[in-house]
Amino acid sequence: MPAEENKAIFRRYVEEVTNQGNLDVADEIFDRYVAHQADGSTLERGPEDVKRFSAEFRLAFPDWRVSIDEQIAEGDKVVNRVTLRGTQKGEFRDMAPTGKEVEVKVVTIFRFSPEGKVVETWDYFDQLRLMRQSIVQELGVARSIQQASLPKEVPQLEGWRISPLYHPAREVGGDFYDFHLLSGGRLGLVVGDATGKGVPAALVMSTTCGMLRAVSQALDSSSPGEMLQRVNEALFPYIPANMFVTCFYAILDPERGNLTYANAGHDLPYLHRDGEAEELRARGMPLGLMPGMGYEEKQTILEAGEAALFYSDGLVEAHDPKGEMFGFPRLRELVAEHGEAGSLEEVLLEELYSFVGEGWEQEDDITLLTLRRSASLSRTS
């Protein structure tokens, strides 16, 4: 009977195309067809669209499986009630990877031609649409938290230029930077990154920013190491077990050009000096990993015309189409070559875009912060 044959064709589509990934089978099952959308609109599609959709699902949900719960056939139509299951490992449309298993109930109707080809479909992915809306809303909340935690103004210091550049990725990360006004005209500068994505990263980032501000006001000292130690002790009891925060904290004495700094596992900043790029090294574990940590403290003098670059890993971990990473050696060479440029951060961003090429999808937030001493001033004693 044609109805039973049509039911069997749908089962073949599910098993071979969707579950096994034999995409070429779609050419045997689908003709050019009209797809009715849940919002009442229609689209004209064909076998190539089916292949593309299936491949897209498989990339985002590597363990994707479809099971048929019920089939009802009458005339040239087959109504199918199916269940979709899979773990989201990759991005799907505007849904960032969650690592969670999803289960979606779907009702789909296929109409077949006398030759057994699909010529019309009606699909209802209501739960999937709601899931997408929920994730988009969650990312919006995370972005709002992140934006609210960043400073609204850049401090103006005579003889100095401070230039932050923040480029968010589509998927929310945990990047942050901040400034702390201290006594004696000193300035605290911080750049950090909370591990993870989405709302969890945004919340940990926001909490860390708040703790850093509170401790800086309470201590008002010249010790970045003590700052990080206090924040680590305060953060550790409340941070999720699988998360931590990398953070570089420096205190600038603008009159003397003295920069005292400590590092909690963050990427090493670079100091442009005499045409070279020196690493600002200081040892210390990321914040929130374990209590009782101490943080090495070092200092340097920024002379007239010298600049320090603080940054997050979104720059160095960007990949070109061949999978090559932008990397630390490349960044160090660029800082050495262009460190005297008035807008070092803009130069670095242009170099990044040239490296990754057109069509690049930014994987992580990019934060750059340049601290430059005016070339017209000399250090006072």
Protein backbone atom coordinates (compact mmCIF):
# COMPACT_ATOMS: atom_id res chain seq x y z
CA MET A 1 0.00 0.00 0.00
CA PRO A 2 1.35 3.51 -0.85
CA ALA A 3 0.70 4.73 2.70
CA GLU A 4 2.80 1.96 4.22
CA GLU A 5 5.52 2.54 1.62
CA ASN A 6 5.59 6.23 2.46
CA LYS A 7 5.93 5.42 6.16
CA ALA A 8 8.89 3.18 5.32
CA ILE A 9 10.51 5.97 3.28
CA PHE A 10 10.30 8.30 6.28
CA ARG A 11 11.85 5.63 8.50
CA ARG A 12 14.67 5.25 5.98
CA TYR A 13 15.22 9.01 6.03
CA VAL A 14 15.47 9.02 9.81
CA GLU A 15 17.78 6.03 10.06
CA GLU A 16 20.14 6.63 7.14
CA VAL A 17 20.25 10.41 6.67
CA THR A 18 19.70 11.68 10.21
CA ASN A 19 21.12 8.95 12.43
CA GLN A 20 23.83 7.45 10.23
CA GLY A 21 24.80 10.60 8.33
CA ASN A 22 24.45 9.06 4.87
CA LEU A 23 23.56 12.41 3.34
CA ASP A 24 23.50 11.25 -0.29
CA VAL A 25 20.38 9.20 0.48
CA ALA A 26 18.54 12.55 0.64
CA ASP A 27 18.80 12.74 -3.18
CA GLU A 28 16.72 9.55 -3.43
CA ILE A 29 14.04 10.66 -0.96
CA PHE A 30 13.54 14.39 -1.55
CA ASP A 31 12.44 16.33 -4.62
CA ARG A 32 12.14 20.11 -4.66
CA TYR A 33 9.61 20.60 -1.88
CA VAL A 34 7.60 23.24 -0.02
CA ALA A 35 8.45 23.53 3.69
CA HIS A 36 5.74 25.03 5.89
CA GLN A 37 7.19 26.89 8.89
CA ALA A 38 5.66 27.07 12.35
CA ASP A 39 5.03 30.81 11.90
CA GLY A 40 2.85 30.17 8.81
CA SER A 41 5.47 31.08 6.20
CA THR A 42 6.70 28.71 3.48
CA LEU A 43 10.10 28.05 1.94
CA GLU A 44 11.12 26.18 -1.20
CA ARG A 45 13.81 23.64 -0.47
CA GLY A 46 15.52 20.63 -1.96
CA PRO A 47 17.87 17.71 -1.22
CA GLU A 48 20.87 20.02 -0.75
CA ASP A 49 19.04 21.86 2.03
CA VAL A 50 18.31 18.57 3.78
CA LYS A 51 22.00 17.64 3.59
CA ARG A 52 23.07 21.02 4.94
CA PHE A 53 20.59 20.90 7.83
CA SER A 54 21.64 17.37 8.76
CA ALA A 55 25.34 18.24 8.63
CA GLU A 56 24.74 21.36 10.73
CA PHE A 57 22.92 19.33 13.38
CA ARG A 58 25.64 16.71 13.39
CA LEU A 59 28.40 19.28 13.93
CA ALA A 60 26.58 20.85 16.88
CA PHE A 61 25.26 17.55 18.31
CA PRO A 62 27.79 14.77 17.44
CA ASP A 63 25.68 12.09 19.18
CA TRP A 64 22.41 13.26 17.57
CA ARG A 65 19.74 10.55 17.37
CA VAL A 66 16.12 10.62 16.19
CA SER A 67 13.62 7.97 17.27
CA ILE A 68 10.15 7.51 15.81
CA ASP A 69 7.45 7.36 18.46
CA GLU A 70 4.38 7.10 16.22
CA GLN A 71 3.38 7.21 12.55
CA ILE A 72 -0.06 7.77 11.02
CA ALA A 73 -0.51 7.57 7.24
CA GLU A 74 -3.44 8.55 5.10
CA GLY A 75 -3.38 9.04 1.36
CA ASP A 76 -0.13 10.72 0.32
CA LYS A 77 0.65 12.12 3.81
CA VAL A 78 2.49 10.62 6.78
CA VAL A 79 2.27 12.20 10.24
CA ASN A 80 5.27 11.39 12.40
CA ARG A 81 5.79 12.00 16.09
CA VAL A 82 9.50 11.77 16.84
CA THR A 83 11.99 12.51 19.64
CA LEU A 84 15.32 14.23 19.01
CA ARG A 85 18.17 13.71 21.48
CA GLY A 86 21.74 14.94 21.52
CA THR A 87 24.47 16.70 23.50
CA GLN A 88 25.30 20.18 22.25
CA LYS A 89 29.07 20.30 21.74
CA GLY A 90 29.18 23.02 19.08
CA GLU A 91 27.42 26.23 18.14
CA PHE A 92 24.02 25.83 16.50
CA ARG A 93 22.47 28.89 14.83
CA ASP A 94 22.56 31.49 17.62
CA MET A 95 22.86 28.85 20.36
CA ALA A 96 26.27 28.74 22.05
CA PRO A 97 27.57 25.28 23.06
CA THR A 98 26.15 24.24 26.41
CA GLY A 99 27.57 20.72 26.82
CA LYS A 100 24.09 19.67 27.91
CA GLU A 101 21.93 16.85 26.54
CA VAL A 102 18.69 18.05 25.01
CA GLU A 103 15.51 16.13 24.22
CA VAL A 104 12.99 17.69 21.85
CA LYS A 105 9.57 16.34 20.87
CA VAL A 106 8.66 17.04 17.24
CA VAL A 107 5.63 16.50 15.04
CA THR A 108 6.39 16.48 11.33
CA ILE A 109 4.17 15.79 8.32
CA PHE A 110 5.56 14.61 4.96
CA ARG A 111 3.57 14.55 1.71
CA PHE A 112 4.84 12.23 -1.00
CA SER A 113 4.54 12.23 -4.79
CA PRO A 114 3.30 9.08 -6.60
CA GLU A 115 6.99 8.34 -7.25
CA GLY A 116 7.70 8.24 -3.49
CA LYS A 117 9.52 11.59 -3.28
CA VAL A 118 8.89 14.15 -0.53
CA VAL A 119 7.21 17.20 -2.06
CA GLU A 120 5.82 19.01 1.00
CA THR A 121 6.58 19.14 4.74
CA TRP A 122 5.17 20.66 7.94
CA ASP A 123 7.55 20.78 10.93
CA TYR A 124 6.84 21.84 14.50
CA PHE A 125 9.97 22.33 16.63
CA ASP A 126 8.28 24.32 19.38
CA GLN A 127 10.54 23.13 22.20
CA LEU A 128 13.66 23.72 20.11
CA ARG A 129 12.52 27.26 19.36
CA LEU A 130 11.85 27.89 23.05
CA MET A 131 15.26 26.47 23.92
CA ARG A 132 16.92 28.82 21.44
CA GLN A 133 15.04 31.78 22.86
CA SER A 134 16.07 30.82 26.38
CA ILE A 135 19.75 30.55 25.46
CA VAL A 136 19.70 33.83 23.54
CA GLN A 137 18.08 35.50 26.54
CA GLU A 138 20.70 33.97 28.85
CA LEU A 139 23.51 35.32 26.68
CA GLY A 140 21.86 38.73 26.72
CA VAL A 141 21.77 38.70 30.52
CA ALA A 142 25.42 37.64 30.67
CA ARG A 143 26.43 40.41 28.28
CA SER A 144 24.56 42.97 30.40
CA ILE A 145 26.35 41.78 33.55
CA GLN A 146 29.70 41.97 31.81
CA GLN A 147 29.12 45.42 30.33
CA ALA A 148 27.88 46.80 33.66
CA SER A 149 31.07 45.63 35.38
CA LEU A 150 33.43 47.46 33.01
CA PRO A 151 34.51 51.03 33.87
CA LYS A 152 32.48 53.84 32.31
CA GLU A 153 35.40 56.32 32.15
CA VAL A 154 39.16 56.17 31.60
CA PRO A 155 41.28 58.05 34.17
CA GLN A 156 43.07 61.13 32.86
CA LEU A 157 46.63 61.47 34.21
CA GLU A 158 48.94 64.30 33.21
CA GLY A 159 51.80 62.94 31.14
CA TRP A 160 50.11 59.55 30.59
CA ARG A 161 47.78 57.95 28.10
CA ILE A 162 45.59 54.99 29.03
CA SER A 163 43.88 53.29 26.07
CA PRO A 164 41.50 50.37 26.66
CA LEU A 165 40.03 48.40 23.76
CA TYR A 166 37.36 45.78 24.36
CA HIS A 167 35.92 43.67 21.51
CA PRO A 168 33.29 41.18 22.71
CA ALA A 169 32.73 37.90 20.90
CA ARG A 170 29.24 36.62 20.13
CA GLU A 171 29.59 34.12 22.95
CA VAL A 172 30.03 35.83 26.29
CA GLY A 173 33.36 35.28 28.01
CA GLY A 174 34.78 36.46 31.32
CA ASP A 175 37.13 39.29 30.26
CA PHE A 176 37.37 42.40 32.41
CA TYR A 177 39.53 45.43 33.06
CA ASP A 178 39.23 48.16 35.67
CA PHE A 179 40.86 51.20 37.26
CA HIS A 180 41.17 52.00 40.99
CA LEU A 181 41.88 55.54 42.16
CA LEU A 182 44.23 55.33 45.17
CA SER A 183 45.66 57.89 47.57
CA GLY A 184 48.61 60.04 46.59
CA GLY A 185 47.46 60.21 42.98
CA ARG A 186 48.31 56.54 42.41
CA LEU A 187 46.26 54.37 40.06
CA GLY A 188 45.46 50.67 40.20
CA LEU A 189 45.07 48.91 36.84
CA VAL A 190 43.68 45.42 36.45
CA VAL A 191 43.08 43.08 33.51
CA GLY A 192 41.61 39.62 34.03
CA ASP A 193 39.63 36.72 32.64
CA ALA A 194 37.20 34.36 34.37
CA THR A 195 37.15 30.88 32.85
CA GLY A 196 34.02 29.63 31.16
CA LYS A 197 31.27 31.22 29.09
CA GLY A 198 27.80 32.66 29.49
CA VAL A 199 26.13 33.67 32.73
CA PRO A 200 28.50 31.68 35.04
CA ALA A 201 31.58 33.46 33.64
CA ALA A 202 29.82 36.83 33.74
CA LEU A 203 28.81 36.35 37.38
CA VAL A 204 32.30 35.25 38.47
CA MET A 205 33.84 38.14 36.52
CA SER A 206 31.44 40.63 38.11
CA THR A 207 32.07 39.23 41.60
CA THR A 208 35.83 39.42 41.13
CA CYS A 209 35.62 43.02 39.91
CA GLY A 210 33.58 43.94 42.96
CA MET A 211 36.03 42.25 45.33
CA LEU A 212 39.01 43.97 43.70
CA ARG A 213 37.35 47.36 44.07
CA ALA A 214 36.40 46.73 47.69
CA VAL A 215 39.86 45.47 48.68
CA SER A 216 41.61 48.33 46.85
CA GLN A 217 39.56 50.86 48.84
CA ALA A 218 40.09 49.01 52.12
CA LEU A 219 43.85 48.53 51.74
CA ASP A 220 44.81 51.61 49.68
CA SER A 221 48.33 50.19 49.76
CA SER A 222 51.19 49.97 47.29
CA SER A 223 51.14 46.18 47.31
CA PRO A 224 49.48 44.44 44.33
CA GLY A 225 50.59 41.11 45.78
CA GLU A 226 48.64 41.72 48.97
CA MET A 227 45.66 42.84 46.88
CA LEU A 228 45.58 39.56 44.96
CA GLN A 229 46.13 37.53 48.13
CA ARG A 230 43.16 39.16 49.86
CA VAL A 231 40.88 38.73 46.83
CA ASN A 232 41.91 35.09 46.42
CA GLU A 233 40.97 34.32 50.02
CA ALA A 234 37.64 36.12 49.64
CA LEU A 235 36.80 34.52 46.28
CA PHE A 236 37.80 30.91 46.98
CA PRO A 237 34.80 29.88 49.15
CA TYR A 238 32.27 31.15 46.61
CA ILE A 239 33.66 30.27 43.19
CA PRO A 240 32.44 27.05 41.46
CA ALA A 241 34.91 24.19 41.69
CA ASN A 242 35.58 24.09 37.95
CA MET A 243 36.25 27.82 37.57
CA PHE A 244 39.04 30.29 38.36
CA VAL A 245 40.14 33.81 37.44
CA THR A 246 43.43 34.96 35.94
CA CYS A 247 44.32 38.52 36.84
CA PHE A 248 47.21 40.98 36.41
CA TYR A 249 47.20 43.87 38.92
CA ALA A 250 49.50 46.89 38.79
CA ILE A 251 49.78 50.14 40.74
CA LEU A 252 51.15 53.17 38.94
CA ASP A 253 52.83 56.12 40.62
CA PRO A 254 52.45 58.65 37.79
CA GLU A 255 54.87 61.18 39.28
CA ARG A 256 57.79 58.77 39.37
CA GLY A 257 56.70 56.45 36.59
CA ASN A 258 56.97 53.53 39.00
CA LEU A 259 54.84 50.47 38.15
CA THR A 260 54.48 47.82 40.86
CA TYR A 261 52.72 44.63 39.79
CA ALA A 262 51.68 41.09 40.64
CA ASN A 263 50.20 38.34 38.50
CA ALA A 264 47.58 35.68 39.29
CA GLY A 265 48.22 33.30 36.38
CA HIS A 266 47.41 35.85 33.64
CA ASP A 267 49.13 36.19 30.25
CA LEU A 268 52.35 38.18 30.66
CA PRO A 269 52.10 41.86 29.70
CA TYR A 270 54.77 43.41 27.46
CA LEU A 271 56.79 46.57 28.09
CA HIS A 272 57.99 48.37 24.95
CA ARG A 273 61.49 49.68 25.69
CA ASP A 274 64.34 50.59 23.32
CA GLY A 275 62.70 48.88 20.36
CA GLU A 276 62.19 45.62 22.26
CA ALA A 277 59.26 44.00 24.06
CA GLU A 278 60.09 42.87 27.59
CA GLU A 279 57.85 40.51 29.55
CA LEU A 280 56.58 41.72 32.90
CA ARG A 281 57.04 38.48 34.85
CA ALA A 282 55.67 37.72 38.30
CA ARG A 283 54.63 34.34 39.68
CA GLY A 284 51.25 33.51 41.17
CA MET A 285 48.35 31.05 40.91
CA PRO A 286 44.97 32.07 39.42
CA LEU A 287 42.40 33.43 41.84
CA GLY A 288 39.91 31.00 43.35
CA LEU A 289 41.88 27.79 42.80
CA MET A 290 43.14 27.27 46.36
CA PRO A 291 43.48 29.26 49.58
CA GLY A 292 46.69 30.42 51.20
CA MET A 293 48.39 31.56 48.01
CA GLY A 294 51.12 34.20 47.93
CA TYR A 295 51.83 36.45 44.94
CA GLU A 296 55.26 37.58 43.83
CA GLU A 297 55.57 41.33 43.50
CA LYS A 298 57.87 43.20 41.14
CA GLN A 299 58.32 46.73 39.88
CA THR A 300 59.70 48.66 36.94
CA ILE A 301 60.00 52.27 35.81
CA LEU A 302 58.25 53.49 32.67
CA GLU A 303 60.51 56.11 31.14
CA ALA A 304 59.36 58.83 28.75
CA GLY A 305 57.92 57.29 25.56
CA GLU A 306 57.68 53.76 26.95
CA ALA A 307 54.44 51.75 27.00
CA ALA A 308 53.04 48.64 28.66
CA LEU A 309 50.46 46.39 27.01
CA PHE A 310 48.03 44.32 29.09
CA TYR A 311 45.74 41.90 27.21
CA SER A 312 43.52 38.81 27.40
CA ASP A 313 43.97 35.47 25.66
CA GLY A 314 41.30 36.20 23.04
CA LEU A 315 44.01 37.82 20.92
CA VAL A 316 46.81 35.26 21.14
CA GLU A 317 44.45 32.25 20.88
CA ALA A 318 42.70 33.41 17.69
CA HIS A 319 43.17 30.99 14.76
CA ASP A 320 43.57 31.52 11.02
CA PRO A 321 41.67 29.34 8.47
CA LYS A 322 44.48 26.73 8.60
CA GLY A 323 44.22 26.41 12.38
CA GLU A 324 47.43 28.32 13.17
CA MET A 325 47.25 30.35 16.38
CA PHE A 326 48.10 34.08 16.47
CA GLY A 327 50.38 33.26 19.39
CA PHE A 328 52.66 35.01 21.87
CA PRO A 329 55.79 35.23 19.66
CA ARG A 330 53.83 37.09 16.98
CA LEU A 331 52.35 39.46 19.55
CA ARG A 332 55.76 40.14 21.09
CA GLU A 333 57.27 40.95 17.70
CA LEU A 334 54.41 43.32 16.91
CA VAL A 335 54.77 45.12 20.23
CA ALA A 336 58.52 45.51 19.62
CA GLU A 337 57.90 46.83 16.09
CA HIS A 338 54.88 49.06 16.73
CA GLY A 339 55.23 49.89 20.42
CA GLU A 340 55.79 53.55 19.69
CA ALA A 341 52.56 53.81 17.68
CA GLY A 342 50.06 56.16 19.23
CA SER A 343 47.32 53.55 18.99
CA LEU A 344 49.13 50.27 19.58
CA GLU A 345 45.87 48.46 20.36
CA GLU A 346 44.37 49.50 16.99
CA VAL A 347 47.51 48.32 15.17
CA LEU A 348 47.30 44.95 16.89
CA LEU A 349 43.63 44.57 15.98
CA GLU A 350 44.39 45.34 12.33
CA GLU A 351 47.19 42.74 12.36
CA LEU A 352 44.78 40.22 13.88
CA TYR A 353 42.16 40.80 11.17
CA SER A 354 44.80 40.41 8.49
CA PHE A 355 45.97 37.16 10.10
CA VAL A 356 42.56 35.48 10.49
CA GLY A 357 41.21 36.60 7.09
CA GLU A 358 37.68 37.25 5.94
CA GLY A 359 34.81 35.26 7.40
CA TRP A 360 36.55 34.83 10.76
CA GLU A 361 34.23 34.18 13.69
CA GLN A 362 35.67 35.60 16.90
CA GLU A 363 35.97 32.80 19.45
CA ASP A 364 36.57 34.81 22.61
CA ASP A 365 36.45 38.35 23.93
CA ILE A 366 39.49 40.48 23.12
CA THR A 367 40.73 42.99 25.70
CA LEU A 368 43.74 45.27 25.14
CA LEU A 369 44.90 47.96 27.55
CA THR A 370 47.85 50.22 26.77
CA LEU A 371 49.57 52.38 29.40
CA ARG A 372 51.91 54.93 27.79
CA ARG A 373 54.11 57.61 29.28
CA SER A 374 54.37 60.80 27.27
CA ALA A 375 57.60 61.17 25.31
CA SER A 376 57.81 64.83 26.33
CA LEU A 377 58.23 64.10 30.03
CA SER A 378 61.18 62.63 31.88
CA ARG A 379 61.18 60.73 35.13
CA THR A 380 61.33 62.74 38.31
CA SER A 381 63.34 61.58 41.30
